[in-house]
Amino acid sequence: MLKRSITYQLASIAEDGIGKATRIFESRFGWTVYEIRVLRLIRAAPGITFTELAQTTRFERTATSRMLSRLTKAGLVKRSNLAQDARRFGLTLTRRGEDLCDKADPLSLELETMMLEPLTAEQRKAFRAMVATVLEWVREGYGEKVISRFPEAQGGAVSKLRGGKEKI
């Protein structure tokens, strides 16, 4: 059953692809794929708050905080008080952060192209469209449907795999 599970297969594709890619990114740029992802998300949404960033990355808040701290100390990210609430900070990239993203982007595209190499151009286009459709559904309607069918999904069950400390 596990090998036929689409969620298992998608997670395996992502984990295997990221595992190999992160070694390349660390070697070439000194940063992990996850840290580069954080930079890209900030670049795409200048002024994003820490809370919004943590929700978007889906990383643990503590992991996001540590990454953000390293990126800020390295001069890649700048924190500024928000005009509408001086207690909160908005995040933007510095010129160095922008430059790093610009250098990392071609490598990401090359690795993604290699990952999809077994597919024809038509299959790649169809695959991207299907993934986009499923992602939209998962973000917009799937959760409600799961909760309506399985009410226990509403409460945030505690994961036994991680010592009962994380919500899944």
C-alpha atoms as a PDB file:
ATOM      1  CA  MET A   1       0.000   0.000   0.000  1.00  0.00           C
ATOM      2  CA  LEU A   2       2.705   2.484   0.995  1.00  0.00           C
ATOM      3  CA  LYS A   3       4.532   2.354  -2.343  1.00  0.00           C
ATOM      4  CA  ARG A   4       1.268   3.050  -4.189  1.00  0.00           C
ATOM      5  CA  SER A   5       0.370   6.026  -1.971  1.00  0.00           C
ATOM      6  CA  ILE A   6       0.559   9.265  -3.967  1.00  0.00           C
ATOM      7  CA  THR A   7       1.469  11.274  -0.866  1.00  0.00           C
ATOM      8  CA  TYR A   8       4.342   8.870  -0.138  1.00  0.00           C
ATOM      9  CA  GLN A   9       5.532   9.069  -3.739  1.00  0.00           C
ATOM     10  CA  LEU A  10       5.364  12.885  -3.814  1.00  0.00           C
ATOM     11  CA  ALA A  11       7.198  13.116  -0.491  1.00  0.00           C
ATOM     12  CA  SER A  12       9.862  10.725  -1.779  1.00  0.00           C
ATOM     13  CA  ILE A  13      10.346  12.761  -4.956  1.00  0.00           C
ATOM     14  CA  ALA A  14      10.674  15.960  -2.930  1.00  0.00           C
ATOM     15  CA  GLU A  15      12.962  14.492  -0.256  1.00  0.00           C
ATOM     16  CA  ASP A  16      15.245  12.708  -2.715  1.00  0.00           C
ATOM     17  CA  GLY A  17      15.435  15.730  -4.991  1.00  0.00           C
ATOM     18  CA  ILE A  18      16.039  18.179  -2.149  1.00  0.00           C
ATOM     19  CA  GLY A  19      18.595  15.895  -0.495  1.00  0.00           C
ATOM     20  CA  LYS A  20      20.828  15.879  -3.529  1.00  0.00           C
ATOM     21  CA  ALA A  21      20.179  19.523  -4.371  1.00  0.00           C
ATOM     22  CA  THR A  22      20.987  20.816  -0.907  1.00  0.00           C
ATOM     23  CA  ARG A  23      24.504  19.366  -1.059  1.00  0.00           C
ATOM     24  CA  ILE A  24      25.048  21.211  -4.337  1.00  0.00           C
ATOM     25  CA  PHE A  25      23.624  24.487  -2.975  1.00  0.00           C
ATOM     26  CA  GLU A  26      25.715  24.249   0.185  1.00  0.00           C
ATOM     27  CA  SER A  27      28.840  23.536  -1.842  1.00  0.00           C
ATOM     28  CA  ARG A  28      28.284  26.353  -4.346  1.00  0.00           C
ATOM     29  CA  PHE A  29      26.595  29.003  -2.241  1.00  0.00           C
ATOM     30  CA  GLY A  30      27.056  28.026   1.415  1.00  0.00           C
ATOM     31  CA  TRP A  31      23.301  27.826   2.000  1.00  0.00           C
ATOM     32  CA  THR A  32      20.761  24.980   2.028  1.00  0.00           C
ATOM     33  CA  VAL A  33      17.867  24.628  -0.376  1.00  0.00           C
ATOM     34  CA  TYR A  34      15.554  25.544   2.502  1.00  0.00           C
ATOM     35  CA  GLU A  35      17.423  28.772   3.225  1.00  0.00           C
ATOM     36  CA  ILE A  36      17.377  29.684  -0.457  1.00  0.00           C
ATOM     37  CA  ARG A  37      13.632  28.954  -0.446  1.00  0.00           C
ATOM     38  CA  VAL A  38      13.166  31.404   2.431  1.00  0.00           C
ATOM     39  CA  LEU A  39      15.064  34.045   0.473  1.00  0.00           C
ATOM     40  CA  ARG A  40      12.928  33.412  -2.600  1.00  0.00           C
ATOM     41  CA  LEU A  41       9.715  33.694  -0.607  1.00  0.00           C
ATOM     42  CA  ILE A  42      10.849  37.011   0.860  1.00  0.00           C
ATOM     43  CA  ARG A  43      11.851  38.198  -2.618  1.00  0.00           C
ATOM     44  CA  ALA A  44       8.391  37.266  -3.926  1.00  0.00           C
ATOM     45  CA  ALA A  45       6.598  39.068  -1.066  1.00  0.00           C
ATOM     46  CA  PRO A  46       8.681  42.007   0.203  1.00  0.00           C
ATOM     47  CA  GLY A  47       7.481  43.064   3.650  1.00  0.00           C
ATOM     48  CA  ILE A  48       6.280  39.559   4.560  1.00  0.00           C
ATOM     49  CA  THR A  49       6.116  39.041   8.318  1.00  0.00           C
ATOM     50  CA  PHE A  50       7.765  36.211  10.201  1.00  0.00           C
ATOM     51  CA  THR A  51       4.367  34.633  10.906  1.00  0.00           C
ATOM     52  CA  GLU A  52       3.380  34.758   7.236  1.00  0.00           C
ATOM     53  CA  LEU A  53       6.760  33.338   6.235  1.00  0.00           C
ATOM     54  CA  ALA A  54       6.504  30.465   8.716  1.00  0.00           C
ATOM     55  CA  GLN A  55       3.006  29.631   7.462  1.00  0.00           C
ATOM     56  CA  THR A  56       4.116  29.767   3.828  1.00  0.00           C
ATOM     57  CA  THR A  57       7.236  27.621   4.289  1.00  0.00           C
ATOM     58  CA  ARG A  58       5.390  25.085   6.437  1.00  0.00           C
ATOM     59  CA  PHE A  59       8.622  24.723   8.426  1.00  0.00           C
ATOM     60  CA  GLU A  60       8.500  24.629  12.212  1.00  0.00           C
ATOM     61  CA  ARG A  61       8.491  28.150  13.616  1.00  0.00           C
ATOM     62  CA  THR A  62      11.745  27.513  15.478  1.00  0.00           C
ATOM     63  CA  ALA A  63      13.450  26.254  12.301  1.00  0.00           C
ATOM     64  CA  THR A  64      12.167  29.279  10.374  1.00  0.00           C
ATOM     65  CA  SER A  65      13.386  31.576  13.139  1.00  0.00           C
ATOM     66  CA  ARG A  66      16.874  30.032  13.150  1.00  0.00           C
ATOM     67  CA  MET A  67      17.121  30.273   9.361  1.00  0.00           C
ATOM     68  CA  LEU A  68      15.944  33.857   9.382  1.00  0.00           C
ATOM     69  CA  SER A  69      18.430  34.741  12.085  1.00  0.00           C
ATOM     70  CA  ARG A  70      21.325  33.255  10.067  1.00  0.00           C
ATOM     71  CA  LEU A  71      20.180  34.981   6.878  1.00  0.00           C
ATOM     72  CA  THR A  72      19.819  38.319   8.681  1.00  0.00           C
ATOM     73  CA  LYS A  73      23.236  38.048  10.385  1.00  0.00           C
ATOM     74  CA  ALA A  74      24.783  37.246   6.991  1.00  0.00           C
ATOM     75  CA  GLY A  75      23.350  40.463   5.570  1.00  0.00           C
ATOM     76  CA  LEU A  76      20.960  38.737   3.148  1.00  0.00           C
ATOM     77  CA  VAL A  77      17.684  39.748   4.838  1.00  0.00           C
ATOM     78  CA  LYS A  78      16.670  43.025   6.428  1.00  0.00           C
ATOM     79  CA  ARG A  79      14.037  43.414   9.152  1.00  0.00           C
ATOM     80  CA  SER A  80      12.082  46.671   9.316  1.00  0.00           C
ATOM     81  CA  ASN A  81       9.264  47.779  11.583  1.00  0.00           C
ATOM     82  CA  LEU A  82       5.911  47.746   9.819  1.00  0.00           C
ATOM     83  CA  ALA A  83       4.266  51.157   9.435  1.00  0.00           C
ATOM     84  CA  GLN A  84       0.860  49.821  10.523  1.00  0.00           C
ATOM     85  CA  ASP A  85       2.239  48.067  13.652  1.00  0.00           C
ATOM     86  CA  ALA A  86       5.698  49.014  14.927  1.00  0.00           C
ATOM     87  CA  ARG A  87       5.790  45.890  17.119  1.00  0.00           C
ATOM     88  CA  ARG A  88       5.929  43.701  14.009  1.00  0.00           C
ATOM     89  CA  PHE A  89       8.680  43.370  11.445  1.00  0.00           C
ATOM     90  CA  GLY A  90       8.510  43.104   7.689  1.00  0.00           C
ATOM     91  CA  LEU A  91      11.239  41.197   5.851  1.00  0.00           C
ATOM     92  CA  THR A  92      12.988  42.224   2.658  1.00  0.00           C
ATOM     93  CA  LEU A  93      16.087  41.052   0.844  1.00  0.00           C
ATOM     94  CA  THR A  94      19.225  43.109   0.789  1.00  0.00           C
ATOM     95  CA  ARG A  95      21.146  43.521  -2.452  1.00  0.00           C
ATOM     96  CA  ARG A  96      23.327  40.569  -1.351  1.00  0.00           C
ATOM     97  CA  GLY A  97      20.191  38.451  -0.824  1.00  0.00           C
ATOM     98  CA  GLU A  98      18.892  39.404  -4.271  1.00  0.00           C
ATOM     99  CA  ASP A  99      22.260  38.534  -5.822  1.00  0.00           C
ATOM    100  CA  LEU A 100      22.307  35.132  -4.124  1.00  0.00           C
ATOM    101  CA  CYS A 101      18.823  34.328  -5.432  1.00  0.00           C
ATOM    102  CA  ASP A 102      19.842  35.440  -8.913  1.00  0.00           C
ATOM    103  CA  LYS A 103      22.847  33.086  -8.790  1.00  0.00           C
ATOM    104  CA  ALA A 104      20.851  30.159  -7.357  1.00  0.00           C
ATOM    105  CA  ASP A 105      17.857  30.391  -9.719  1.00  0.00           C
ATOM    106  CA  PRO A 106      19.558  28.880 -12.798  1.00  0.00           C
ATOM    107  CA  LEU A 107      20.793  25.908 -10.769  1.00  0.00           C
ATOM    108  CA  SER A 108      17.273  25.265  -9.456  1.00  0.00           C
ATOM    109  CA  LEU A 109      15.864  25.342 -12.966  1.00  0.00           C
ATOM    110  CA  GLU A 110      18.576  22.977 -14.199  1.00  0.00           C
ATOM    111  CA  LEU A 111      17.923  20.486 -11.393  1.00  0.00           C
ATOM    112  CA  GLU A 112      14.167  20.644 -11.978  1.00  0.00           C
ATOM    113  CA  THR A 113      14.693  20.068 -15.697  1.00  0.00           C
ATOM    114  CA  MET A 114      16.860  17.041 -14.889  1.00  0.00           C
ATOM    115  CA  MET A 115      14.215  15.670 -12.512  1.00  0.00           C
ATOM    116  CA  LEU A 116      11.554  15.844 -15.217  1.00  0.00           C
ATOM    117  CA  GLU A 117      13.873  14.517 -17.932  1.00  0.00           C
ATOM    118  CA  PRO A 118      12.117  11.143 -18.320  1.00  0.00           C
ATOM    119  CA  LEU A 119       8.943  12.950 -19.406  1.00  0.00           C
ATOM    120  CA  THR A 120       8.269  14.249 -22.877  1.00  0.00           C
ATOM    121  CA  ALA A 121       7.572  17.968 -23.301  1.00  0.00           C
ATOM    122  CA  GLU A 122       3.863  17.198 -23.525  1.00  0.00           C
ATOM    123  CA  GLN A 123       3.991  15.042 -20.376  1.00  0.00           C
ATOM    124  CA  ARG A 124       5.873  17.773 -18.468  1.00  0.00           C
ATOM    125  CA  LYS A 125       3.224  20.318 -19.419  1.00  0.00           C
ATOM    126  CA  ALA A 126       0.416  17.951 -18.395  1.00  0.00           C
ATOM    127  CA  PHE A 127       2.221  17.027 -15.154  1.00  0.00           C
ATOM    128  CA  ARG A 128       2.679  20.679 -14.183  1.00  0.00           C
ATOM    129  CA  ALA A 129      -0.987  21.377 -14.895  1.00  0.00           C
ATOM    130  CA  MET A 130      -2.104  18.377 -12.825  1.00  0.00           C
ATOM    131  CA  VAL A 131       0.164  19.279  -9.917  1.00  0.00           C
ATOM    132  CA  ALA A 132      -1.137  22.879 -10.001  1.00  0.00           C
ATOM    133  CA  THR A 133      -4.741  21.623  -9.975  1.00  0.00           C
ATOM    134  CA  VAL A 134      -4.143  19.260  -7.052  1.00  0.00           C
ATOM    135  CA  LEU A 135      -2.219  21.914  -5.116  1.00  0.00           C
ATOM    136  CA  GLU A 136      -5.048  24.410  -5.573  1.00  0.00           C
ATOM    137  CA  TRP A 137      -7.570  21.798  -4.396  1.00  0.00           C
ATOM    138  CA  VAL A 138      -5.464  20.868  -1.355  1.00  0.00           C
ATOM    139  CA  ARG A 139      -5.140  24.529  -0.372  1.00  0.00           C
ATOM    140  CA  GLU A 140      -8.745  25.520  -0.999  1.00  0.00           C
ATOM    141  CA  GLY A 141     -11.179  22.650  -0.524  1.00  0.00           C
ATOM    142  CA  TYR A 142      -9.532  19.397   0.468  1.00  0.00           C
ATOM    143  CA  GLY A 143      -9.052  20.288   4.141  1.00  0.00           C
ATOM    144  CA  GLU A 144     -12.727  21.093   4.640  1.00  0.00           C
ATOM    145  CA  LYS A 145     -13.745  17.875   2.935  1.00  0.00           C
ATOM    146  CA  VAL A 146     -11.384  15.831   5.120  1.00  0.00           C
ATOM    147  CA  ILE A 147     -12.719  17.507   8.268  1.00  0.00           C
ATOM    148  CA  SER A 148     -16.333  16.930   7.220  1.00  0.00           C
ATOM    149  CA  ARG A 149     -15.589  13.237   6.722  1.00  0.00           C
ATOM    150  CA  PHE A 150     -13.092  12.837   9.592  1.00  0.00           C
ATOM    151  CA  PRO A 151     -13.943  15.364  12.356  1.00  0.00           C
ATOM    152  CA  GLU A 152     -10.897  14.333  14.396  1.00  0.00           C
ATOM    153  CA  ALA A 153      -8.732  16.035  11.730  1.00  0.00           C
ATOM    154  CA  GLN A 154      -9.955  19.417  13.052  1.00  0.00           C
ATOM    155  CA  GLY A 155      -8.141  19.192  16.377  1.00  0.00           C
ATOM    156  CA  GLY A 156      -4.507  18.857  15.293  1.00  0.00           C
ATOM    157  CA  ALA A 157      -3.573  15.367  16.397  1.00  0.00           C
ATOM    158  CA  VAL A 158      -0.242  15.083  18.171  1.00  0.00           C
ATOM    159  CA  SER A 159       2.404  13.150  16.285  1.00  0.00           C
ATOM    160  CA  LYS A 160       3.746  10.119  18.146  1.00  0.00           C
ATOM    161  CA  LEU A 161       6.684   9.914  15.749  1.00  0.00           C
ATOM    162  CA  ARG A 162       8.255  13.096  17.093  1.00  0.00           C
ATOM    163  CA  GLY A 163       7.880  12.616  20.802  1.00  0.00           C
ATOM    164  CA  GLY A 164       4.386  14.049  20.902  1.00  0.00           C
ATOM    165  CA  LYS A 165       5.597  17.645  20.593  1.00  0.00           C
ATOM    166  CA  GLU A 166       4.611  18.537  17.033  1.00  0.00           C
ATOM    167  CA  LYS A 167       1.196  18.888  15.524  1.00  0.00           C
ATOM    168  CA  ILE A 168       0.528  17.137  12.254  1.00  0.00           C
END
